[in-house]
């Protein structure tokens, strides 16, 4: 699974399951490829590719990789990294995956603040 974000993006990333109006996640060269729009909110027909074991990488459109903070011992709190990843529902809404990319301070502010609407 490869998730591609707009260059320089920091903030929440949402993949929202929408069987009726969502798009299919394409399989490209043996890996699922998710190219996020500028809003970093995408409706997908199925989250099935995420529900089985998979290796997941995030990168910017330019090709620059986004490291996963869970895999970097003693990571720099000011470095932009994947800081959080969850799957579930909220207040009876759609099943979705929520990923946060940013610094420690940005994710802390995000967690303490209200969640943005999924639409």
C-alpha atoms as a PDB file:
ATOM      1  CA  UNK A   1       0.000   0.000   0.000  1.00  0.00           C
ATOM      2  CA  UNK A   2       1.444   3.329  -1.054  1.00  0.00           C
ATOM      3  CA  UNK A   3      -0.305   6.562  -0.085  1.00  0.00           C
ATOM      4  CA  UNK A   4       0.785   9.667  -1.995  1.00  0.00           C
ATOM      5  CA  UNK A   5       0.107  13.106  -0.490  1.00  0.00           C
ATOM      6  CA  UNK A   6       0.346  16.557  -2.081  1.00  0.00           C
ATOM      7  CA  UNK A   7       3.837  18.020  -1.629  1.00  0.00           C
ATOM      8  CA  UNK A   8       4.301  19.697   1.752  1.00  0.00           C
ATOM      9  CA  UNK A   9       0.940  18.572   3.159  1.00  0.00           C
ATOM     10  CA  UNK A  10       0.605  18.228   6.925  1.00  0.00           C
ATOM     11  CA  UNK A  11      -2.586  17.394   8.742  1.00  0.00           C
ATOM     12  CA  UNK A  12      -5.217  14.667   8.770  1.00  0.00           C
ATOM     13  CA  UNK A  13      -5.636  12.229   5.907  1.00  0.00           C
ATOM     14  CA  UNK A  14      -8.990  10.463   5.514  1.00  0.00           C
ATOM     15  CA  UNK A  15      -9.962   7.422   3.483  1.00  0.00           C
ATOM     16  CA  UNK A  16     -13.730   7.089   3.819  1.00  0.00           C
ATOM     17  CA  UNK A  17     -15.572   3.916   2.833  1.00  0.00           C
ATOM     18  CA  UNK A  18     -18.418   4.701   0.431  1.00  0.00           C
ATOM     19  CA  UNK A  19     -19.618   1.604  -1.440  1.00  0.00           C
ATOM     20  CA  UNK A  20     -21.950   3.615  -3.677  1.00  0.00           C
ATOM     21  CA  UNK A  21     -19.944   6.690  -4.705  1.00  0.00           C
ATOM     22  CA  UNK A  22     -16.361   5.820  -3.735  1.00  0.00           C
ATOM     23  CA  UNK A  23     -13.570   5.068  -6.178  1.00  0.00           C
ATOM     24  CA  UNK A  24     -11.671   1.796  -6.433  1.00  0.00           C
ATOM     25  CA  UNK A  25      -8.112   1.712  -5.101  1.00  0.00           C
ATOM     26  CA  UNK A  26      -5.972   0.661  -8.084  1.00  0.00           C
ATOM     27  CA  UNK A  27      -3.415  -2.124  -7.888  1.00  0.00           C
ATOM     28  CA  UNK A  28      -0.248  -0.845  -9.600  1.00  0.00           C
ATOM     29  CA  UNK A  29       2.827  -3.072  -9.984  1.00  0.00           C
ATOM     30  CA  UNK A  30       1.616  -5.366  -7.195  1.00  0.00           C
ATOM     31  CA  UNK A  31       0.853  -2.580  -4.697  1.00  0.00           C
ATOM     32  CA  UNK A  32      -2.302  -0.634  -3.994  1.00  0.00           C
ATOM     33  CA  UNK A  33      -1.748   3.020  -4.872  1.00  0.00           C
ATOM     34  CA  UNK A  34      -3.757   5.788  -3.221  1.00  0.00           C
ATOM     35  CA  UNK A  35      -3.138   9.245  -4.685  1.00  0.00           C
ATOM     36  CA  UNK A  36      -4.784  11.705  -2.327  1.00  0.00           C
ATOM     37  CA  UNK A  37      -6.408  14.906  -3.608  1.00  0.00           C
ATOM     38  CA  UNK A  38      -5.398  18.318  -2.230  1.00  0.00           C
ATOM     39  CA  UNK A  39      -7.965  18.008   0.584  1.00  0.00           C
ATOM     40  CA  UNK A  40      -6.482  14.653   1.673  1.00  0.00           C
ATOM     41  CA  UNK A  41     -10.017  13.282   1.943  1.00  0.00           C
ATOM     42  CA  UNK A  42     -10.968  10.476  -0.407  1.00  0.00           C
ATOM     43  CA  UNK A  43     -14.037   8.287  -0.644  1.00  0.00           C
ATOM     44  CA  UNK A  44     -13.173   4.737  -1.636  1.00  0.00           C
ATOM     45  CA  UNK A  45     -15.506   1.902  -2.569  1.00  0.00           C
ATOM     46  CA  UNK A  46     -13.847  -0.449  -0.068  1.00  0.00           C
ATOM     47  CA  UNK A  47     -11.263  -0.354   2.689  1.00  0.00           C
ATOM     48  CA  UNK A  48     -10.670  -4.070   2.018  1.00  0.00           C
ATOM     49  CA  UNK A  49      -7.047  -3.593   0.930  1.00  0.00           C
ATOM     50  CA  UNK A  50      -6.329  -2.106   4.371  1.00  0.00           C
ATOM     51  CA  UNK A  51      -8.076  -4.907   6.258  1.00  0.00           C
ATOM     52  CA  UNK A  52      -5.523  -7.596   5.518  1.00  0.00           C
ATOM     53  CA  UNK A  53      -1.815  -7.588   6.292  1.00  0.00           C
ATOM     54  CA  UNK A  54      -0.010  -5.017   4.198  1.00  0.00           C
ATOM     55  CA  UNK A  55       3.114  -2.911   4.229  1.00  0.00           C
ATOM     56  CA  UNK A  56       2.150   0.740   4.072  1.00  0.00           C
ATOM     57  CA  UNK A  57       4.297   3.662   2.988  1.00  0.00           C
ATOM     58  CA  UNK A  58       3.490   7.336   2.720  1.00  0.00           C
ATOM     59  CA  UNK A  59       5.260   9.755   0.421  1.00  0.00           C
ATOM     60  CA  UNK A  60       4.821  13.140  -1.153  1.00  0.00           C
ATOM     61  CA  UNK A  61       4.036  13.469  -4.864  1.00  0.00           C
ATOM     62  CA  UNK A  62       7.657  14.574  -5.398  1.00  0.00           C
ATOM     63  CA  UNK A  63       8.798  11.146  -4.180  1.00  0.00           C
ATOM     64  CA  UNK A  64      10.047  12.240  -0.745  1.00  0.00           C
ATOM     65  CA  UNK A  65       9.215   9.543   1.796  1.00  0.00           C
ATOM     66  CA  UNK A  66       7.289  10.288   4.984  1.00  0.00           C
ATOM     67  CA  UNK A  67       8.702   8.220   7.852  1.00  0.00           C
ATOM     68  CA  UNK A  68       6.478   6.463  10.386  1.00  0.00           C
ATOM     69  CA  UNK A  69       7.232   7.808  13.885  1.00  0.00           C
ATOM     70  CA  UNK A  70       6.471   4.384  15.385  1.00  0.00           C
ATOM     71  CA  UNK A  71       9.436   2.947  13.488  1.00  0.00           C
ATOM     72  CA  UNK A  72      11.973   5.696  14.249  1.00  0.00           C
ATOM     73  CA  UNK A  73      13.525   5.459  17.721  1.00  0.00           C
ATOM     74  CA  UNK A  74      13.869   8.838  19.470  1.00  0.00           C
ATOM     75  CA  UNK A  75      12.455  10.701  16.502  1.00  0.00           C
ATOM     76  CA  UNK A  76      12.813  14.480  16.232  1.00  0.00           C
ATOM     77  CA  UNK A  77       9.545  16.027  17.491  1.00  0.00           C
ATOM     78  CA  UNK A  78       9.857  18.819  14.894  1.00  0.00           C
ATOM     79  CA  UNK A  79      10.181  16.417  11.932  1.00  0.00           C
ATOM     80  CA  UNK A  80       7.148  15.805   9.746  1.00  0.00           C
ATOM     81  CA  UNK A  81       6.235  12.124  10.088  1.00  0.00           C
ATOM     82  CA  UNK A  82       3.253   9.812  10.129  1.00  0.00           C
ATOM     83  CA  UNK A  83       2.243  10.314  13.753  1.00  0.00           C
ATOM     84  CA  UNK A  84      -1.058   8.480  14.045  1.00  0.00           C
ATOM     85  CA  UNK A  85      -3.220   5.967  12.186  1.00  0.00           C
ATOM     86  CA  UNK A  86      -6.709   4.770  13.198  1.00  0.00           C
ATOM     87  CA  UNK A  87      -9.603   2.932  11.627  1.00  0.00           C
ATOM     88  CA  UNK A  88     -13.203   3.018  12.791  1.00  0.00           C
ATOM     89  CA  UNK A  89     -16.365   5.098  12.907  1.00  0.00           C
ATOM     90  CA  UNK A  90     -17.310   8.247  14.771  1.00  0.00           C
ATOM     91  CA  UNK A  91     -20.799   9.169  15.974  1.00  0.00           C
ATOM     92  CA  UNK A  92     -22.451   6.642  13.652  1.00  0.00           C
ATOM     93  CA  UNK A  93     -20.666   8.005  10.592  1.00  0.00           C
ATOM     94  CA  UNK A  94     -18.970   6.007   7.849  1.00  0.00           C
ATOM     95  CA  UNK A  95     -16.113   3.597   8.429  1.00  0.00           C
ATOM     96  CA  UNK A  96     -12.898   5.450   7.713  1.00  0.00           C
ATOM     97  CA  UNK A  97      -9.146   5.472   8.135  1.00  0.00           C
ATOM     98  CA  UNK A  98      -7.626   8.530   9.754  1.00  0.00           C
ATOM     99  CA  UNK A  99      -3.895   9.160   9.419  1.00  0.00           C
ATOM    100  CA  UNK A 100      -2.090  12.223  10.727  1.00  0.00           C
ATOM    101  CA  UNK A 101       1.087  13.565   9.122  1.00  0.00           C
ATOM    102  CA  UNK A 102       2.984  16.347  10.866  1.00  0.00           C
ATOM    103  CA  UNK A 103       5.117  17.266  13.854  1.00  0.00           C
ATOM    104  CA  UNK A 104       4.521  16.242  17.469  1.00  0.00           C
ATOM    105  CA  UNK A 105       2.979  19.643  18.206  1.00  0.00           C
ATOM    106  CA  UNK A 106       0.670  19.455  15.191  1.00  0.00           C
ATOM    107  CA  UNK A 107      -0.662  16.018  16.140  1.00  0.00           C
ATOM    108  CA  UNK A 108      -1.074  17.086  19.772  1.00  0.00           C
ATOM    109  CA  UNK A 109      -3.095  20.150  18.691  1.00  0.00           C
ATOM    110  CA  UNK A 110      -5.158  17.930  16.374  1.00  0.00           C
ATOM    111  CA  UNK A 111      -5.931  15.368  19.083  1.00  0.00           C
ATOM    112  CA  UNK A 112      -6.965  18.071  21.572  1.00  0.00           C
ATOM    113  CA  UNK A 113      -9.129  19.955  19.071  1.00  0.00           C
ATOM    114  CA  UNK A 114     -12.421  19.040  17.436  1.00  0.00           C
ATOM    115  CA  UNK A 115     -12.235  16.559  14.557  1.00  0.00           C
ATOM    116  CA  UNK A 116     -13.032  18.051  11.152  1.00  0.00           C
ATOM    117  CA  UNK A 117     -16.155  16.740   9.409  1.00  0.00           C
ATOM    118  CA  UNK A 118     -15.588  13.866   6.987  1.00  0.00           C
ATOM    119  CA  UNK A 119     -17.521  15.531   4.162  1.00  0.00           C
END
